[in-house]
Amino acid sequence: MCVDVDVNVKNCGILAAVLVGSVAKLGEKKIVSRITRGAGDMVGPAIVVVVIGAAAVFE
C-alpha cells in the first residue's frame, strides 16, 4: 500500500538537516547554528546569481 504525502520541497532541506543532526546526536543549539552558518555561506553565491541575472536582463 502506497501513501501519497504532499511534501513542500522547500522544507525538505531543513527537515533533512534536523534529521541528520539528530542521528549524529548534536544538540539543538549546534544544529541551529550549523544550519544558519550554512545559510550564511550561500548568501554570496545567491547574490552573484542575482547580479548575473540582472545583467542579462539589461543587455
PDB file of N, CA and C in Angstrom:
ATOM      1  N   MET A   1       0.841  -1.166   0.000  1.00  0.00           N
ATOM      2  CA  MET A   1       0.000   0.000   0.000  1.00  0.00           C
ATOM      3  C   MET A   1       0.896   1.243   0.000  1.00  0.00           C
ATOM      4  N   CYS A   2       0.628   2.156  -0.881  1.00  0.00           N
ATOM      5  CA  CYS A   2       1.422   3.369  -1.016  1.00  0.00           C
ATOM      6  C   CYS A   2       0.633   4.555  -0.477  1.00  0.00           C
ATOM      7  N   VAL A   3       1.273   5.352   0.357  1.00  0.00           N
ATOM      8  CA  VAL A   3       0.628   6.524   0.922  1.00  0.00           C
ATOM      9  C   VAL A   3       1.152   7.742   0.184  1.00  0.00           C
ATOM     10  N   ASP A   4       0.247   8.551  -0.334  1.00  0.00           N
ATOM     11  CA  ASP A   4       0.631   9.765  -1.050  1.00  0.00           C
ATOM     12  C   ASP A   4       0.752  10.906  -0.052  1.00  0.00           C
ATOM     13  N   VAL A   5       1.969  11.424   0.091  1.00  0.00           N
ATOM     14  CA  VAL A   5       2.209  12.503   1.032  1.00  0.00           C
ATOM     15  C   VAL A   5       2.694  13.710   0.251  1.00  0.00           C
ATOM     16  N   ASP A   6       2.012  14.836   0.417  1.00  0.00           N
ATOM     17  CA  ASP A   6       2.408  16.067  -0.259  1.00  0.00           C
ATOM     18  C   ASP A   6       3.425  16.790   0.619  1.00  0.00           C
ATOM     19  N   VAL A   7       4.676  16.841   0.158  1.00  0.00           N
ATOM     20  CA  VAL A   7       5.749  17.445   0.940  1.00  0.00           C
ATOM     21  C   VAL A   7       6.213  18.707   0.234  1.00  0.00           C
ATOM     22  N   ASN A   8       6.312  19.789   0.967  1.00  0.00           N
ATOM     23  CA  ASN A   8       6.821  21.033   0.423  1.00  0.00           C
ATOM     24  C   ASN A   8       8.328  20.885   0.240  1.00  0.00           C
ATOM     25  N   VAL A   9       8.815  21.060  -0.976  1.00  0.00           N
ATOM     26  CA  VAL A   9      10.212  20.830  -1.296  1.00  0.00           C
ATOM     27  C   VAL A   9      11.120  21.799  -0.537  1.00  0.00           C
ATOM     28  N   LYS A  10      10.666  23.006  -0.275  1.00  0.00           N
ATOM     29  CA  LYS A  10      11.483  23.989   0.428  1.00  0.00           C
ATOM     30  C   LYS A  10      11.816  23.535   1.840  1.00  0.00           C
ATOM     31  N   ASN A  11      10.934  22.782   2.450  1.00  0.00           N
ATOM     32  CA  ASN A  11      11.151  22.341   3.821  1.00  0.00           C
ATOM     33  C   ASN A  11      11.961  21.054   3.906  1.00  0.00           C
ATOM     34  N   CYS A  12      12.211  20.383   2.798  1.00  0.00           N
ATOM     35  CA  CYS A  12      12.937  19.117   2.829  1.00  0.00           C
ATOM     36  C   CYS A  12      14.376  19.294   3.290  1.00  0.00           C
ATOM     37  N   GLY A  13      15.019  20.384   2.900  1.00  0.00           N
ATOM     38  CA  GLY A  13      16.398  20.613   3.317  1.00  0.00           C
ATOM     39  C   GLY A  13      16.511  20.815   4.811  1.00  0.00           C
ATOM     40  N   ILE A  14      15.599  21.592   5.363  1.00  0.00           N
ATOM     41  CA  ILE A  14      15.598  21.819   6.813  1.00  0.00           C
ATOM     42  C   ILE A  14      15.297  20.519   7.545  1.00  0.00           C
ATOM     43  N   LEU A  15      14.322  19.778   7.051  1.00  0.00           N
ATOM     44  CA  LEU A  15      13.969  18.507   7.671  1.00  0.00           C
ATOM     45  C   LEU A  15      15.141  17.538   7.631  1.00  0.00           C
ATOM     46  N   ALA A  16      15.829  17.470   6.507  1.00  0.00           N
ATOM     47  CA  ALA A  16      16.985  16.586   6.381  1.00  0.00           C
ATOM     48  C   ALA A  16      18.101  17.016   7.330  1.00  0.00           C
ATOM     49  N   ALA A  17      18.332  18.312   7.454  1.00  0.00           N
ATOM     50  CA  ALA A  17      19.376  18.806   8.353  1.00  0.00           C
ATOM     51  C   ALA A  17      19.068  18.454   9.805  1.00  0.00           C
ATOM     52  N   VAL A  18      17.821  18.611  10.202  1.00  0.00           N
ATOM     53  CA  VAL A  18      17.430  18.273  11.572  1.00  0.00           C
ATOM     54  C   VAL A  18      17.546  16.772  11.798  1.00  0.00           C
ATOM     55  N   LEU A  19      17.154  15.979  10.824  1.00  0.00           N
ATOM     56  CA  LEU A  19      17.239  14.527  10.946  1.00  0.00           C
ATOM     57  C   LEU A  19      18.688  14.077  11.082  1.00  0.00           C
ATOM     58  N   VAL A  20      19.565  14.602  10.234  1.00  0.00           N
ATOM     59  CA  VAL A  20      20.984  14.234  10.301  1.00  0.00           C
ATOM     60  C   VAL A  20      21.588  14.694  11.622  1.00  0.00           C
ATOM     61  N   GLY A  21      21.234  15.892  12.057  1.00  0.00           N
ATOM     62  CA  GLY A  21      21.731  16.378  13.338  1.00  0.00           C
ATOM     63  C   GLY A  21      21.270  15.525  14.501  1.00  0.00           C
ATOM     64  N   SER A  22      20.049  15.045  14.429  1.00  0.00           N
ATOM     65  CA  SER A  22      19.526  14.190  15.493  1.00  0.00           C
ATOM     66  C   SER A  22      20.223  12.838  15.505  1.00  0.00           C
ATOM     67  N   VAL A  23      20.459  12.287  14.328  1.00  0.00           N
ATOM     68  CA  VAL A  23      21.140  10.993  14.235  1.00  0.00           C
ATOM     69  C   VAL A  23      22.584  11.128  14.724  1.00  0.00           C
ATOM     70  N   ALA A  24      23.222  12.266  14.433  1.00  0.00           N
ATOM     71  CA  ALA A  24      24.599  12.496  14.870  1.00  0.00           C
ATOM     72  C   ALA A  24      24.671  12.910  16.337  1.00  0.00           C
ATOM     73  N   LYS A  25      23.519  12.997  16.982  1.00  0.00           N
ATOM     74  CA  LYS A  25      23.392  13.343  18.395  1.00  0.00           C
ATOM     75  C   LYS A  25      23.997  14.710  18.711  1.00  0.00           C
ATOM     76  N   LEU A  26      23.728  15.666  17.813  1.00  0.00           N
ATOM     77  CA  LEU A  26      24.110  17.048  18.077  1.00  0.00           C
ATOM     78  C   LEU A  26      23.006  17.686  18.910  1.00  0.00           C
ATOM     79  N   GLY A  27      23.368  18.647  19.708  1.00  0.00           N
ATOM     80  CA  GLY A  27      22.372  19.359  20.500  1.00  0.00           C
ATOM     81  C   GLY A  27      21.576  20.310  19.615  1.00  0.00           C
ATOM     82  N   GLU A  28      20.480  20.808  20.167  1.00  0.00           N
ATOM     83  CA  GLU A  28      19.613  21.716  19.416  1.00  0.00           C
ATOM     84  C   GLU A  28      20.369  22.977  18.994  1.00  0.00           C
ATOM     85  N   LYS A  29      21.167  23.524  19.896  1.00  0.00           N
ATOM     86  CA  LYS A  29      21.905  24.751  19.578  1.00  0.00           C
ATOM     87  C   LYS A  29      22.928  24.522  18.471  1.00  0.00           C
ATOM     88  N   LYS A  30      23.592  23.367  18.482  1.00  0.00           N
ATOM     89  CA  LYS A  30      24.577  23.078  17.428  1.00  0.00           C
ATOM     90  C   LYS A  30      23.893  22.895  16.079  1.00  0.00           C
ATOM     91  N   ILE A  31      22.755  22.214  16.077  1.00  0.00           N
ATOM     92  CA  ILE A  31      22.029  22.004  14.819  1.00  0.00           C
ATOM     93  C   ILE A  31      21.619  23.348  14.230  1.00  0.00           C
ATOM     94  N   VAL A  32      21.034  24.213  15.065  1.00  0.00           N
ATOM     95  CA  VAL A  32      20.575  25.519  14.592  1.00  0.00           C
ATOM     96  C   VAL A  32      21.749  26.372  14.130  1.00  0.00           C
ATOM     97  N   SER A  33      22.850  26.359  14.869  1.00  0.00           N
ATOM     98  CA  SER A  33      24.000  27.179  14.470  1.00  0.00           C
ATOM     99  C   SER A  33      24.594  26.697  13.158  1.00  0.00           C
ATOM    100  N   ARG A  34      24.632  25.414  12.954  1.00  0.00           N
ATOM    101  CA  ARG A  34      25.187  24.898  11.690  1.00  0.00           C
ATOM    102  C   ARG A  34      24.261  25.165  10.506  1.00  0.00           C
ATOM    103  N   ILE A  35      22.951  25.101  10.731  1.00  0.00           N
ATOM    104  CA  ILE A  35      22.007  25.427   9.659  1.00  0.00           C
ATOM    105  C   ILE A  35      22.138  26.896   9.275  1.00  0.00           C
ATOM    106  N   THR A  36      22.210  27.785  10.277  1.00  0.00           N
ATOM    107  CA  THR A  36      22.322  29.212   9.971  1.00  0.00           C
ATOM    108  C   THR A  36      23.670  29.547   9.350  1.00  0.00           C
ATOM    109  N   ARG A  37      24.734  28.866   9.772  1.00  0.00           N
ATOM    110  CA  ARG A  37      26.043  29.099   9.161  1.00  0.00           C
ATOM    111  C   ARG A  37      26.027  28.647   7.696  1.00  0.00           C
ATOM    112  N   GLY A  38      25.378  27.529   7.419  1.00  0.00           N
ATOM    113  CA  GLY A  38      25.266  27.052   6.037  1.00  0.00           C
ATOM    114  C   GLY A  38      24.445  27.997   5.177  1.00  0.00           C
ATOM    115  N   ALA A  39      23.379  28.547   5.753  1.00  0.00           N
ATOM    116  CA  ALA A  39      22.570  29.524   5.014  1.00  0.00           C
ATOM    117  C   ALA A  39      23.383  30.773   4.736  1.00  0.00           C
ATOM    118  N   GLY A  40      24.185  31.187   5.709  1.00  0.00           N
ATOM    119  CA  GLY A  40      25.042  32.356   5.524  1.00  0.00           C
ATOM    120  C   GLY A  40      26.092  32.131   4.448  1.00  0.00           C
ATOM    121  N   ASP A  41      26.583  30.907   4.337  1.00  0.00           N
ATOM    122  CA  ASP A  41      27.570  30.587   3.303  1.00  0.00           C
ATOM    123  C   ASP A  41      26.972  30.668   1.903  1.00  0.00           C
ATOM    124  N   MET A  42      25.665  30.517   1.793  1.00  0.00           N
ATOM    125  CA  MET A  42      25.024  30.538   0.479  1.00  0.00           C
ATOM    126  C   MET A  42      24.611  31.936   0.028  1.00  0.00           C
ATOM    127  N   VAL A  43      24.748  32.932   0.898  1.00  0.00           N
ATOM    128  CA  VAL A  43      24.341  34.292   0.541  1.00  0.00           C
ATOM    129  C   VAL A  43      25.206  34.848  -0.588  1.00  0.00           C
ATOM    130  N   GLY A  44      26.514  34.646  -0.521  1.00  0.00           N
ATOM    131  CA  GLY A  44      27.422  35.152  -1.561  1.00  0.00           C
ATOM    132  C   GLY A  44      27.094  34.614  -2.946  1.00  0.00           C
ATOM    133  N   PRO A  45      27.030  33.285  -3.107  1.00  0.00           N
ATOM    134  CA  PRO A  45      26.661  32.748  -4.420  1.00  0.00           C
ATOM    135  C   PRO A  45      25.274  33.190  -4.892  1.00  0.00           C
ATOM    136  N   ALA A  46      24.337  33.354  -3.967  1.00  0.00           N
ATOM    137  CA  ALA A  46      22.991  33.803  -4.347  1.00  0.00           C
ATOM    138  C   ALA A  46      23.036  35.221  -4.901  1.00  0.00           C
ATOM    139  N   ILE A  47      23.838  36.076  -4.290  1.00  0.00           N
ATOM    140  CA  ILE A  47      23.969  37.447  -4.786  1.00  0.00           C
ATOM    141  C   ILE A  47      24.592  37.458  -6.172  1.00  0.00           C
ATOM    142  N   VAL A  48      25.593  36.616  -6.402  1.00  0.00           N
ATOM    143  CA  VAL A  48      26.227  36.528  -7.724  1.00  0.00           C
ATOM    144  C   VAL A  48      25.205  36.115  -8.775  1.00  0.00           C
ATOM    145  N   VAL A  49      24.381  35.137  -8.460  1.00  0.00           N
ATOM    146  CA  VAL A  49      23.369  34.670  -9.417  1.00  0.00           C
ATOM    147  C   VAL A  49      22.371  35.791  -9.726  1.00  0.00           C
ATOM    148  N   VAL A  50      21.966  36.535  -8.703  1.00  0.00           N
ATOM    149  CA  VAL A  50      21.023  37.635  -8.915  1.00  0.00           C
ATOM    150  C   VAL A  50      21.643  38.721  -9.785  1.00  0.00           C
ATOM    151  N   VAL A  51      22.889  39.069  -9.528  1.00  0.00           N
ATOM    152  CA  VAL A  51      23.559  40.114 -10.309  1.00  0.00           C
ATOM    153  C   VAL A  51      23.740  39.672 -11.751  1.00  0.00           C
ATOM    154  N   ILE A  52      24.111  38.424 -11.977  1.00  0.00           N
ATOM    155  CA  ILE A  52      24.273  37.931 -13.350  1.00  0.00           C
ATOM    156  C   ILE A  52      22.927  37.917 -14.067  1.00  0.00           C
ATOM    157  N   GLY A  53      21.880  37.511 -13.360  1.00  0.00           N
ATOM    158  CA  GLY A  53      20.540  37.529 -13.961  1.00  0.00           C
ATOM    159  C   GLY A  53      20.090  38.923 -14.322  1.00  0.00           C
ATOM    160  N   ALA A  54      20.384  39.879 -13.437  1.00  0.00           N
ATOM    161  CA  ALA A  54      20.004  41.271 -13.709  1.00  0.00           C
ATOM    162  C   ALA A  54      20.810  41.822 -14.890  1.00  0.00           C
ATOM    163  N   ALA A  55      22.069  41.449 -14.985  1.00  0.00           N
ATOM    164  CA  ALA A  55      22.898  41.921 -16.100  1.00  0.00           C
ATOM    165  C   ALA A  55      22.389  41.357 -17.418  1.00  0.00           C
ATOM    166  N   ALA A  56      21.912  40.118 -17.376  1.00  0.00           N
ATOM    167  CA  ALA A  56      21.378  39.515 -18.611  1.00  0.00           C
ATOM    168  C   ALA A  56      20.091  40.197 -19.051  1.00  0.00           C
ATOM    169  N   VAL A  57      19.305  40.657 -18.099  1.00  0.00           N
ATOM    170  CA  VAL A  57      18.043  41.341 -18.434  1.00  0.00           C
ATOM    171  C   VAL A  57      18.305  42.697 -19.055  1.00  0.00           C
ATOM    172  N   PHE A  58      19.319  43.403 -18.563  1.00  0.00           N
ATOM    173  CA  PHE A  58      19.595  44.761 -19.041  1.00  0.00           C
ATOM    174  C   PHE A  58      20.438  44.811 -20.306  1.00  0.00           C
ATOM    175  N   GLU A  59      20.874  43.666 -20.806  1.00  0.00           N
ATOM    176  CA  GLU A  59      21.663  43.683 -22.049  1.00  0.00           C
ATOM    177  C   GLU A  59      20.783  43.918 -23.239  1.00  0.00           C
TER     178      GLU A  59
END
